Amino acid sequence: MEKPNALLSEMTYQAERAAQLADVTATSEHVIDRYRRCTLWRLFPKELMFRRLHDFGMAGQEVLEFGCGEGVITTQLARLGARVTAVDISPELIACAARRAELDGVRDRIEFRVGDITQSPLETNRFDVLVCHAVIHHVDPQMIRPLLASLKPGGLAVLAEPIAFSRTLQSLRDLVPLEKHVSPDERQLGKDEVDHIARLLVDSEVTPFNLFGRLARLFPNCNKIDRGHSITKSALMCLHGFDRLLLTLCPSLARWCGTVVIVGRKGSDVDGTPGA
């Protein structure tokens, strides 16, 4: 469980982040089409997440999104057919997410909850799918147990998290003169933490990303590959394609990557006790 002062610090940071967000707008159809088709799932972590969700069968499923933030993925899940329970500790970010859901026409498919799951535990065996996108590194990784406990037997967990398996790489990252949007207590997951999560899952799949792909931050519009920015798109395709080739030829290079996607089913031995 997080210490009260750490929790307060996190909530203050998220409130400030919510205040800085531009006006919420509806999700563009080309974005929804991208995550419906997932043609680049081998190159980009979020597309792999959605590919595995489609493989499982997302339409009509009860999805728990833990740490929904401003609701970007929340509304994408709902527009692609899921029924979503979206949980976040920040009421300000939940307000942004609810506004986005209204604009996307999926407010009736989403239940928003504000709160700390250590104080308001989730229902056991309730959900078909768990989605966490860059959230676990904000909290104690042992919180994965109560999250998995909320899944039905055989339910699917899909997580994407920043990683730092190499201290040398972390030191170099800290020297890069680019703005880093990080909350006070967040940190990248280490290999032991990733391995721990994977061991709790059945048939787990751990896929590393962002070897040279992390250099995408140097390009303008790096988050707009689906909007036809040809130079940016070509650069991103080259970087991430080169990553996949290198990681296929030499899997040990994964220790230098910056992101990992973990996918697996709920195991029968998972209960809701952190650290059990």
C-alpha atoms as a PDB file:
ATOM      1  CA  MET A   1       0.000   0.000   0.000  1.00  0.00           C
ATOM      2  CA  GLU A   2       1.273   3.454  -0.816  1.00  0.00           C
ATOM      3  CA  LYS A   3       2.167   5.801   2.014  1.00  0.00           C
ATOM      4  CA  PRO A   4      -0.356   8.614   2.558  1.00  0.00           C
ATOM      5  CA  ASN A   5       2.115  11.339   1.580  1.00  0.00           C
ATOM      6  CA  ALA A   6       3.007   9.490  -1.637  1.00  0.00           C
ATOM      7  CA  LEU A   7      -0.687   9.109  -2.446  1.00  0.00           C
ATOM      8  CA  LEU A   8      -1.306  12.798  -1.820  1.00  0.00           C
ATOM      9  CA  SER A   9       1.677  13.711  -3.983  1.00  0.00           C
ATOM     10  CA  GLU A  10       0.388  11.533  -6.821  1.00  0.00           C
ATOM     11  CA  MET A  11      -3.113  13.009  -6.611  1.00  0.00           C
ATOM     12  CA  THR A  12      -1.734  16.555  -6.606  1.00  0.00           C
ATOM     13  CA  TYR A  13       0.365  15.808  -9.671  1.00  0.00           C
ATOM     14  CA  GLN A  14      -2.592  14.277 -11.525  1.00  0.00           C
ATOM     15  CA  ALA A  15      -4.829  17.232 -10.657  1.00  0.00           C
ATOM     16  CA  GLU A  16      -2.224  19.595 -12.112  1.00  0.00           C
ATOM     17  CA  ARG A  17      -1.933  17.388 -15.191  1.00  0.00           C
ATOM     18  CA  ALA A  18      -5.701  17.453 -15.696  1.00  0.00           C
ATOM     19  CA  ALA A  19      -5.699  21.241 -15.487  1.00  0.00           C
ATOM     20  CA  GLN A  20      -3.053  21.423 -18.229  1.00  0.00           C
ATOM     21  CA  LEU A  21      -4.896  19.192 -20.681  1.00  0.00           C
ATOM     22  CA  ALA A  22      -6.234  20.859 -23.782  1.00  0.00           C
ATOM     23  CA  ASP A  23      -9.981  20.830 -24.314  1.00  0.00           C
ATOM     24  CA  VAL A  24     -11.160  17.235 -24.630  1.00  0.00           C
ATOM     25  CA  THR A  25     -12.279  16.298 -28.135  1.00  0.00           C
ATOM     26  CA  ALA A  26     -13.998  13.297 -29.660  1.00  0.00           C
ATOM     27  CA  THR A  27     -11.813  10.420 -30.820  1.00  0.00           C
ATOM     28  CA  SER A  28     -11.194  10.561 -34.568  1.00  0.00           C
ATOM     29  CA  GLU A  29     -12.511   7.727 -36.688  1.00  0.00           C
ATOM     30  CA  HIS A  30      -9.068   7.022 -38.139  1.00  0.00           C
ATOM     31  CA  VAL A  31      -7.789   6.356 -34.610  1.00  0.00           C
ATOM     32  CA  ILE A  32     -10.577   3.869 -33.965  1.00  0.00           C
ATOM     33  CA  ASP A  33      -9.895   2.253 -37.327  1.00  0.00           C
ATOM     34  CA  ARG A  34      -6.217   1.901 -36.468  1.00  0.00           C
ATOM     35  CA  TYR A  35      -6.968  -0.019 -33.277  1.00  0.00           C
ATOM     36  CA  ARG A  36      -9.698  -2.013 -34.962  1.00  0.00           C
ATOM     37  CA  ARG A  37      -7.310  -3.236 -37.658  1.00  0.00           C
ATOM     38  CA  CYS A  38      -4.000  -3.333 -35.710  1.00  0.00           C
ATOM     39  CA  THR A  39      -1.970  -3.855 -38.884  1.00  0.00           C
ATOM     40  CA  LEU A  40       1.229  -2.679 -37.172  1.00  0.00           C
ATOM     41  CA  TRP A  41       0.889  -4.782 -34.022  1.00  0.00           C
ATOM     42  CA  ARG A  42       4.378  -6.204 -34.385  1.00  0.00           C
ATOM     43  CA  LEU A  43       5.877  -2.706 -34.232  1.00  0.00           C
ATOM     44  CA  PHE A  44       3.867  -0.717 -31.693  1.00  0.00           C
ATOM     45  CA  PRO A  45       2.966  -1.776 -28.137  1.00  0.00           C
ATOM     46  CA  LYS A  46      -0.524  -0.302 -28.052  1.00  0.00           C
ATOM     47  CA  GLU A  47      -1.449  -2.047 -31.279  1.00  0.00           C
ATOM     48  CA  LEU A  48      -0.229  -5.347 -29.807  1.00  0.00           C
ATOM     49  CA  MET A  49      -2.453  -4.712 -26.798  1.00  0.00           C
ATOM     50  CA  PHE A  50      -5.503  -4.206 -28.986  1.00  0.00           C
ATOM     51  CA  ARG A  51      -4.553  -7.141 -31.216  1.00  0.00           C
ATOM     52  CA  ARG A  52      -4.583  -9.455 -28.196  1.00  0.00           C
ATOM     53  CA  LEU A  53      -7.877  -7.964 -27.038  1.00  0.00           C
ATOM     54  CA  HIS A  54      -9.388  -8.685 -30.451  1.00  0.00           C
ATOM     55  CA  ASP A  55      -7.934 -12.206 -30.396  1.00  0.00           C
ATOM     56  CA  PHE A  56      -9.680 -12.772 -27.059  1.00  0.00           C
ATOM     57  CA  GLY A  57     -12.899 -11.253 -28.329  1.00  0.00           C
ATOM     58  CA  MET A  58     -13.465  -7.769 -26.958  1.00  0.00           C
ATOM     59  CA  ALA A  59     -17.034  -7.072 -28.107  1.00  0.00           C
ATOM     60  CA  GLY A  60     -19.495  -7.389 -25.253  1.00  0.00           C
ATOM     61  CA  GLN A  61     -16.822  -8.213 -22.676  1.00  0.00           C
ATOM     62  CA  GLU A  62     -16.643  -6.653 -19.209  1.00  0.00           C
ATOM     63  CA  VAL A  63     -13.323  -4.788 -19.190  1.00  0.00           C
ATOM     64  CA  LEU A  64     -11.624  -3.276 -16.149  1.00  0.00           C
ATOM     65  CA  GLU A  65      -9.274  -0.446 -17.057  1.00  0.00           C
ATOM     66  CA  PHE A  66      -7.143   0.362 -14.042  1.00  0.00           C
ATOM     67  CA  GLY A  67      -5.658   3.866 -14.096  1.00  0.00           C
ATOM     68  CA  CYS A  68      -7.814   5.174 -16.931  1.00  0.00           C
ATOM     69  CA  GLY A  69      -6.500   8.749 -16.681  1.00  0.00           C
ATOM     70  CA  GLU A  70      -8.201  11.098 -19.112  1.00  0.00           C
ATOM     71  CA  GLY A  71      -9.996   8.223 -20.820  1.00  0.00           C
ATOM     72  CA  VAL A  72      -8.185   7.930 -24.151  1.00  0.00           C
ATOM     73  CA  ILE A  73      -8.050   4.124 -24.107  1.00  0.00           C
ATOM     74  CA  THR A  74     -11.320   3.916 -22.164  1.00  0.00           C
ATOM     75  CA  THR A  75     -13.397   5.350 -24.987  1.00  0.00           C
ATOM     76  CA  GLN A  76     -11.454   3.407 -27.617  1.00  0.00           C
ATOM     77  CA  LEU A  77     -12.320   0.182 -25.805  1.00  0.00           C
ATOM     78  CA  ALA A  78     -15.977   1.186 -25.588  1.00  0.00           C
ATOM     79  CA  ARG A  79     -16.175   2.239 -29.232  1.00  0.00           C
ATOM     80  CA  LEU A  80     -14.763  -1.142 -30.191  1.00  0.00           C
ATOM     81  CA  GLY A  81     -17.564  -2.911 -28.361  1.00  0.00           C
ATOM     82  CA  ALA A  82     -16.437  -3.452 -24.763  1.00  0.00           C
ATOM     83  CA  ARG A  83     -18.306  -2.543 -21.604  1.00  0.00           C
ATOM     84  CA  VAL A  84     -15.748  -0.720 -19.479  1.00  0.00           C
ATOM     85  CA  THR A  85     -15.323  -0.078 -15.777  1.00  0.00           C
ATOM     86  CA  ALA A  86     -12.710   2.688 -15.662  1.00  0.00           C
ATOM     87  CA  VAL A  87     -10.933   3.308 -12.355  1.00  0.00           C
ATOM     88  CA  ASP A  88      -8.619   6.160 -11.426  1.00  0.00           C
ATOM     89  CA  ILE A  89      -7.541   7.867  -8.235  1.00  0.00           C
ATOM     90  CA  SER A  90      -7.882  11.356  -9.743  1.00  0.00           C
ATOM     91  CA  PRO A  91     -11.384  12.886  -9.857  1.00  0.00           C
ATOM     92  CA  GLU A  92     -10.072  15.583 -12.194  1.00  0.00           C
ATOM     93  CA  LEU A  93      -8.870  13.050 -14.755  1.00  0.00           C
ATOM     94  CA  ILE A  94     -12.084  11.044 -14.416  1.00  0.00           C
ATOM     95  CA  ALA A  95     -14.004  14.238 -15.246  1.00  0.00           C
ATOM     96  CA  CYS A  96     -11.940  14.569 -18.450  1.00  0.00           C
ATOM     97  CA  ALA A  97     -12.576  10.916 -19.270  1.00  0.00           C
ATOM     98  CA  ALA A  98     -16.326  11.258 -18.740  1.00  0.00           C
ATOM     99  CA  ARG A  99     -16.415  14.278 -21.045  1.00  0.00           C
ATOM    100  CA  ARG A 100     -14.523  12.325 -23.707  1.00  0.00           C
ATOM    101  CA  ALA A 101     -16.975   9.431 -23.355  1.00  0.00           C
ATOM    102  CA  GLU A 102     -19.892  11.793 -23.914  1.00  0.00           C
ATOM    103  CA  LEU A 103     -18.292  13.240 -27.050  1.00  0.00           C
ATOM    104  CA  ASP A 104     -17.578   9.735 -28.340  1.00  0.00           C
ATOM    105  CA  GLY A 105     -21.168   8.649 -27.728  1.00  0.00           C
ATOM    106  CA  VAL A 106     -20.227   5.772 -25.407  1.00  0.00           C
ATOM    107  CA  ARG A 107     -21.050   7.177 -21.967  1.00  0.00           C
ATOM    108  CA  ASP A 108     -23.660   4.442 -21.486  1.00  0.00           C
ATOM    109  CA  ARG A 109     -20.990   1.754 -22.009  1.00  0.00           C
ATOM    110  CA  ILE A 110     -18.631   3.042 -19.315  1.00  0.00           C
ATOM    111  CA  GLU A 111     -18.813   3.059 -15.523  1.00  0.00           C
ATOM    112  CA  PHE A 112     -16.334   5.513 -14.010  1.00  0.00           C
ATOM    113  CA  ARG A 113     -15.033   4.991 -10.499  1.00  0.00           C
ATOM    114  CA  VAL A 114     -12.880   7.400  -8.511  1.00  0.00           C
ATOM    115  CA  GLY A 115     -10.903   5.848  -5.710  1.00  0.00           C
ATOM    116  CA  ASP A 116      -8.016   3.878  -4.286  1.00  0.00           C
ATOM    117  CA  ILE A 117      -8.534   0.126  -4.696  1.00  0.00           C
ATOM    118  CA  THR A 118      -6.621  -0.497  -1.462  1.00  0.00           C
ATOM    119  CA  GLN A 119      -9.423   1.341   0.348  1.00  0.00           C
ATOM    120  CA  SER A 120     -12.314   0.289  -1.927  1.00  0.00           C
ATOM    121  CA  PRO A 121     -11.449  -3.223  -3.120  1.00  0.00           C
ATOM    122  CA  LEU A 122     -12.614  -4.457  -6.505  1.00  0.00           C
ATOM    123  CA  GLU A 123     -15.152  -7.241  -6.842  1.00  0.00           C
ATOM    124  CA  THR A 124     -13.601 -10.700  -7.125  1.00  0.00           C
ATOM    125  CA  ASN A 125     -14.164 -12.737 -10.317  1.00  0.00           C
ATOM    126  CA  ARG A 126     -16.121  -9.893 -11.918  1.00  0.00           C
ATOM    127  CA  PHE A 127     -14.330  -8.929 -15.155  1.00  0.00           C
ATOM    128  CA  ASP A 128     -13.450 -10.708 -18.390  1.00  0.00           C
ATOM    129  CA  VAL A 129     -10.461  -8.485 -19.186  1.00  0.00           C
ATOM    130  CA  LEU A 130      -7.979  -6.304 -17.304  1.00  0.00           C
ATOM    131  CA  VAL A 131      -6.246  -3.460 -19.167  1.00  0.00           C
ATOM    132  CA  CYS A 132      -3.413  -1.400 -17.676  1.00  0.00           C
ATOM    133  CA  HIS A 133      -1.551   1.060 -19.881  1.00  0.00           C
ATOM    134  CA  ALA A 134       1.485   2.641 -18.201  1.00  0.00           C
ATOM    135  CA  VAL A 135      -0.069   2.454 -14.738  1.00  0.00           C
ATOM    136  CA  ILE A 136       1.585  -0.271 -12.639  1.00  0.00           C
ATOM    137  CA  HIS A 137       4.843   1.697 -12.512  1.00  0.00           C
ATOM    138  CA  HIS A 138       2.962   4.384 -10.556  1.00  0.00           C
ATOM    139  CA  VAL A 139       2.020   1.977  -7.757  1.00  0.00           C
ATOM    140  CA  ASP A 140       3.372  -0.957  -5.780  1.00  0.00           C
ATOM    141  CA  PRO A 141       3.701  -3.782  -8.367  1.00  0.00           C
ATOM    142  CA  GLN A 142       2.183  -6.134  -5.752  1.00  0.00           C
ATOM    143  CA  MET A 143      -1.132  -4.439  -6.541  1.00  0.00           C
ATOM    144  CA  ILE A 144      -1.283  -6.709  -9.578  1.00  0.00           C
ATOM    145  CA  ARG A 145      -2.679  -9.454  -7.325  1.00  0.00           C
ATOM    146  CA  PRO A 146      -5.974  -7.756  -6.379  1.00  0.00           C
ATOM    147  CA  LEU A 147      -6.308  -6.610  -9.974  1.00  0.00           C
ATOM    148  CA  LEU A 148      -5.956 -10.161 -11.274  1.00  0.00           C
ATOM    149  CA  ALA A 149      -8.274 -11.408  -8.525  1.00  0.00           C
ATOM    150  CA  SER A 150     -11.003  -9.207 -10.031  1.00  0.00           C
ATOM    151  CA  LEU A 151     -10.828 -11.253 -13.254  1.00  0.00           C
ATOM    152  CA  LYS A 152     -13.048 -14.230 -13.885  1.00  0.00           C
ATOM    153  CA  PRO A 153     -11.204 -17.572 -14.070  1.00  0.00           C
ATOM    154  CA  GLY A 154      -9.320 -17.602 -17.359  1.00  0.00           C
ATOM    155  CA  GLY A 155      -9.813 -13.863 -17.809  1.00  0.00           C
ATOM    156  CA  LEU A 156      -7.303 -11.938 -19.922  1.00  0.00           C
ATOM    157  CA  ALA A 157      -4.768  -9.424 -18.570  1.00  0.00           C
ATOM    158  CA  VAL A 158      -3.120  -6.977 -20.973  1.00  0.00           C
ATOM    159  CA  LEU A 159      -0.511  -4.571 -19.617  1.00  0.00           C
ATOM    160  CA  ALA A 160       2.015  -2.182 -21.131  1.00  0.00           C
ATOM    161  CA  GLU A 161       4.645  -0.593 -18.897  1.00  0.00           C
ATOM    162  CA  PRO A 162       7.917   1.357 -19.164  1.00  0.00           C
ATOM    163  CA  ILE A 163      10.919  -0.717 -18.147  1.00  0.00           C
ATOM    164  CA  ALA A 164      14.536  -0.148 -17.165  1.00  0.00           C
ATOM    165  CA  PHE A 165      16.426  -3.430 -16.970  1.00  0.00           C
ATOM    166  CA  SER A 166      19.787  -1.671 -17.300  1.00  0.00           C
ATOM    167  CA  ARG A 167      21.073   0.878 -14.776  1.00  0.00           C
ATOM    168  CA  THR A 168      23.430   2.224 -17.423  1.00  0.00           C
ATOM    169  CA  LEU A 169      20.548   2.876 -19.784  1.00  0.00           C
ATOM    170  CA  GLN A 170      18.565   4.546 -17.012  1.00  0.00           C
ATOM    171  CA  SER A 171      21.477   6.857 -16.290  1.00  0.00           C
ATOM    172  CA  LEU A 172      21.740   7.787 -19.961  1.00  0.00           C
ATOM    173  CA  ARG A 173      17.997   8.377 -20.139  1.00  0.00           C
ATOM    174  CA  ASP A 174      18.201  10.810 -17.246  1.00  0.00           C
ATOM    175  CA  LEU A 175      20.826  12.817 -19.173  1.00  0.00           C
ATOM    176  CA  VAL A 176      18.671  13.238 -22.297  1.00  0.00           C
ATOM    177  CA  PRO A 177      17.550  16.896 -22.467  1.00  0.00           C
ATOM    178  CA  LEU A 178      13.917  16.126 -23.237  1.00  0.00           C
ATOM    179  CA  GLU A 179      10.984  16.963 -21.010  1.00  0.00           C
ATOM    180  CA  LYS A 180       9.759  13.939 -19.094  1.00  0.00           C
ATOM    181  CA  HIS A 181       6.147  13.865 -17.969  1.00  0.00           C
ATOM    182  CA  VAL A 182       6.525  11.865 -14.779  1.00  0.00           C
ATOM    183  CA  SER A 183       4.761  11.913 -11.464  1.00  0.00           C
ATOM    184  CA  PRO A 184       6.783  12.216  -8.229  1.00  0.00           C
ATOM    185  CA  ASP A 185       6.925   8.510  -7.342  1.00  0.00           C
ATOM    186  CA  GLU A 186       6.804   6.717 -10.683  1.00  0.00           C
ATOM    187  CA  ARG A 187       9.686   4.600 -11.915  1.00  0.00           C
ATOM    188  CA  GLN A 188      10.260   2.083 -14.686  1.00  0.00           C
ATOM    189  CA  LEU A 189       9.722  -1.561 -13.823  1.00  0.00           C
ATOM    190  CA  GLY A 190      12.756  -3.759 -13.352  1.00  0.00           C
ATOM    191  CA  LYS A 191      13.181  -7.253 -14.739  1.00  0.00           C
ATOM    192  CA  ASP A 192      12.271  -8.912 -11.440  1.00  0.00           C
ATOM    193  CA  GLU A 193       8.986  -7.004 -11.340  1.00  0.00           C
ATOM    194  CA  VAL A 194       8.108  -7.910 -14.931  1.00  0.00           C
ATOM    195  CA  ASP A 195       8.996 -11.554 -14.284  1.00  0.00           C
ATOM    196  CA  HIS A 196       6.833 -11.533 -11.147  1.00  0.00           C
ATOM    197  CA  ILE A 197       3.797 -10.302 -13.073  1.00  0.00           C
ATOM    198  CA  ALA A 198       4.383 -12.808 -15.877  1.00  0.00           C
ATOM    199  CA  ARG A 199       4.632 -15.703 -13.398  1.00  0.00           C
ATOM    200  CA  LEU A 200       1.206 -14.865 -11.984  1.00  0.00           C
ATOM    201  CA  LEU A 201      -0.329 -15.383 -15.431  1.00  0.00           C
ATOM    202  CA  VAL A 202      -1.035 -18.513 -17.430  1.00  0.00           C
ATOM    203  CA  ASP A 203       0.443 -18.725 -20.937  1.00  0.00           C
ATOM    204  CA  SER A 204       2.065 -15.333 -20.418  1.00  0.00           C
ATOM    205  CA  GLU A 205       3.618 -13.457 -23.324  1.00  0.00           C
ATOM    206  CA  VAL A 206       6.200 -10.747 -22.654  1.00  0.00           C
ATOM    207  CA  THR A 207       7.078  -8.587 -25.663  1.00  0.00           C
ATOM    208  CA  PRO A 208       9.710  -5.823 -25.484  1.00  0.00           C
ATOM    209  CA  PHE A 209       9.518  -2.618 -27.531  1.00  0.00           C
ATOM    210  CA  ASN A 210      11.395   0.647 -27.944  1.00  0.00           C
ATOM    211  CA  LEU A 211      15.044  -0.202 -28.412  1.00  0.00           C
ATOM    212  CA  PHE A 212      15.909   2.452 -30.972  1.00  0.00           C
ATOM    213  CA  GLY A 213      12.198   3.208 -31.147  1.00  0.00           C
ATOM    214  CA  ARG A 214      12.577   5.414 -28.080  1.00  0.00           C
ATOM    215  CA  LEU A 215      14.261   7.941 -30.404  1.00  0.00           C
ATOM    216  CA  ALA A 216      10.811   8.607 -31.852  1.00  0.00           C
ATOM    217  CA  ARG A 217      10.444  11.327 -29.212  1.00  0.00           C
ATOM    218  CA  LEU A 218      12.907  13.407 -31.230  1.00  0.00           C
ATOM    219  CA  PHE A 219      10.452  13.634 -34.135  1.00  0.00           C
ATOM    220  CA  PRO A 220       7.564  16.093 -34.355  1.00  0.00           C
ATOM    221  CA  ASN A 221       4.092  14.552 -34.394  1.00  0.00           C
ATOM    222  CA  CYS A 222       5.513  11.265 -33.108  1.00  0.00           C
ATOM    223  CA  ASN A 223       2.088  10.322 -31.742  1.00  0.00           C
ATOM    224  CA  LYS A 224       0.284  10.999 -35.015  1.00  0.00           C
ATOM    225  CA  ILE A 225       1.398   8.133 -37.220  1.00  0.00           C
ATOM    226  CA  ASP A 226      -2.219   7.499 -38.194  1.00  0.00           C
ATOM    227  CA  ARG A 227      -2.761  11.030 -39.486  1.00  0.00           C
ATOM    228  CA  GLY A 228      -0.680  10.850 -42.618  1.00  0.00           C
ATOM    229  CA  HIS A 229       2.448  12.744 -41.524  1.00  0.00           C
ATOM    230  CA  SER A 230       4.604  11.009 -44.113  1.00  0.00           C
ATOM    231  CA  ILE A 231       8.077  11.949 -42.821  1.00  0.00           C
ATOM    232  CA  THR A 232       7.228  11.083 -39.240  1.00  0.00           C
ATOM    233  CA  LYS A 233       5.468   7.886 -40.271  1.00  0.00           C
ATOM    234  CA  SER A 234       8.436   6.733 -42.373  1.00  0.00           C
ATOM    235  CA  ALA A 235      10.870   7.467 -39.542  1.00  0.00           C
ATOM    236  CA  LEU A 236       8.747   5.623 -36.992  1.00  0.00           C
ATOM    237  CA  MET A 237       8.289   2.636 -39.263  1.00  0.00           C
ATOM    238  CA  CYS A 238      12.053   2.418 -39.816  1.00  0.00           C
ATOM    239  CA  LEU A 239      12.920   2.749 -36.114  1.00  0.00           C
ATOM    240  CA  HIS A 240      10.365   0.258 -34.866  1.00  0.00           C
ATOM    241  CA  GLY A 241      10.905  -2.102 -37.774  1.00  0.00           C
ATOM    242  CA  PHE A 242      14.644  -2.106 -37.058  1.00  0.00           C
ATOM    243  CA  ASP A 243      13.859  -2.805 -33.405  1.00  0.00           C
ATOM    244  CA  ARG A 244      11.745  -5.829 -34.242  1.00  0.00           C
ATOM    245  CA  LEU A 245      14.425  -7.212 -36.554  1.00  0.00           C
ATOM    246  CA  LEU A 246      17.165  -6.802 -33.942  1.00  0.00           C
ATOM    247  CA  LEU A 247      15.055  -8.274 -31.145  1.00  0.00           C
ATOM    248  CA  THR A 248      14.125 -11.245 -33.308  1.00  0.00           C
ATOM    249  CA  LEU A 249      17.767 -11.923 -34.177  1.00  0.00           C
ATOM    250  CA  CYS A 250      19.103 -11.216 -30.703  1.00  0.00           C
ATOM    251  CA  PRO A 251      16.445 -11.504 -27.937  1.00  0.00           C
ATOM    252  CA  SER A 252      19.012 -10.573 -25.264  1.00  0.00           C
ATOM    253  CA  LEU A 253      18.809  -6.983 -26.515  1.00  0.00           C
ATOM    254  CA  ALA A 254      15.481  -6.778 -24.693  1.00  0.00           C
ATOM    255  CA  ARG A 255      17.353  -5.606 -21.590  1.00  0.00           C
ATOM    256  CA  TRP A 256      17.976  -2.321 -23.402  1.00  0.00           C
ATOM    257  CA  CYS A 257      14.340  -1.750 -24.376  1.00  0.00           C
ATOM    258  CA  GLY A 258      12.100   0.893 -22.844  1.00  0.00           C
ATOM    259  CA  THR A 259       8.643  -0.708 -22.928  1.00  0.00           C
ATOM    260  CA  VAL A 260       7.152  -4.138 -22.405  1.00  0.00           C
ATOM    261  CA  VAL A 261       3.717  -5.603 -23.126  1.00  0.00           C
ATOM    262  CA  ILE A 262       2.603  -8.443 -20.855  1.00  0.00           C
ATOM    263  CA  VAL A 263      -0.348 -10.620 -21.861  1.00  0.00           C
ATOM    264  CA  GLY A 264      -1.747 -13.698 -20.139  1.00  0.00           C
ATOM    265  CA  ARG A 265      -4.696 -15.396 -18.468  1.00  0.00           C
ATOM    266  CA  LYS A 266      -5.630 -15.359 -14.798  1.00  0.00           C
ATOM    267  CA  GLY A 267      -4.114 -18.300 -12.963  1.00  0.00           C
ATOM    268  CA  SER A 268      -6.072 -20.390 -10.481  1.00  0.00           C
ATOM    269  CA  ASP A 269      -3.660 -19.568  -7.642  1.00  0.00           C
ATOM    270  CA  VAL A 270      -4.160 -15.780  -7.760  1.00  0.00           C
ATOM    271  CA  ASP A 271      -5.971 -14.239  -4.825  1.00  0.00           C
ATOM    272  CA  GLY A 272      -6.450 -10.621  -3.879  1.00  0.00           C
ATOM    273  CA  THR A 273      -3.716 -10.444  -1.252  1.00  0.00           C
ATOM    274  CA  PRO A 274      -0.788  -8.195  -2.263  1.00  0.00           C
ATOM    275  CA  GLY A 275       2.503  -9.954  -1.741  1.00  0.00           C
ATOM    276  CA  ALA A 276       0.904 -13.370  -1.153  1.00  0.00           C
END
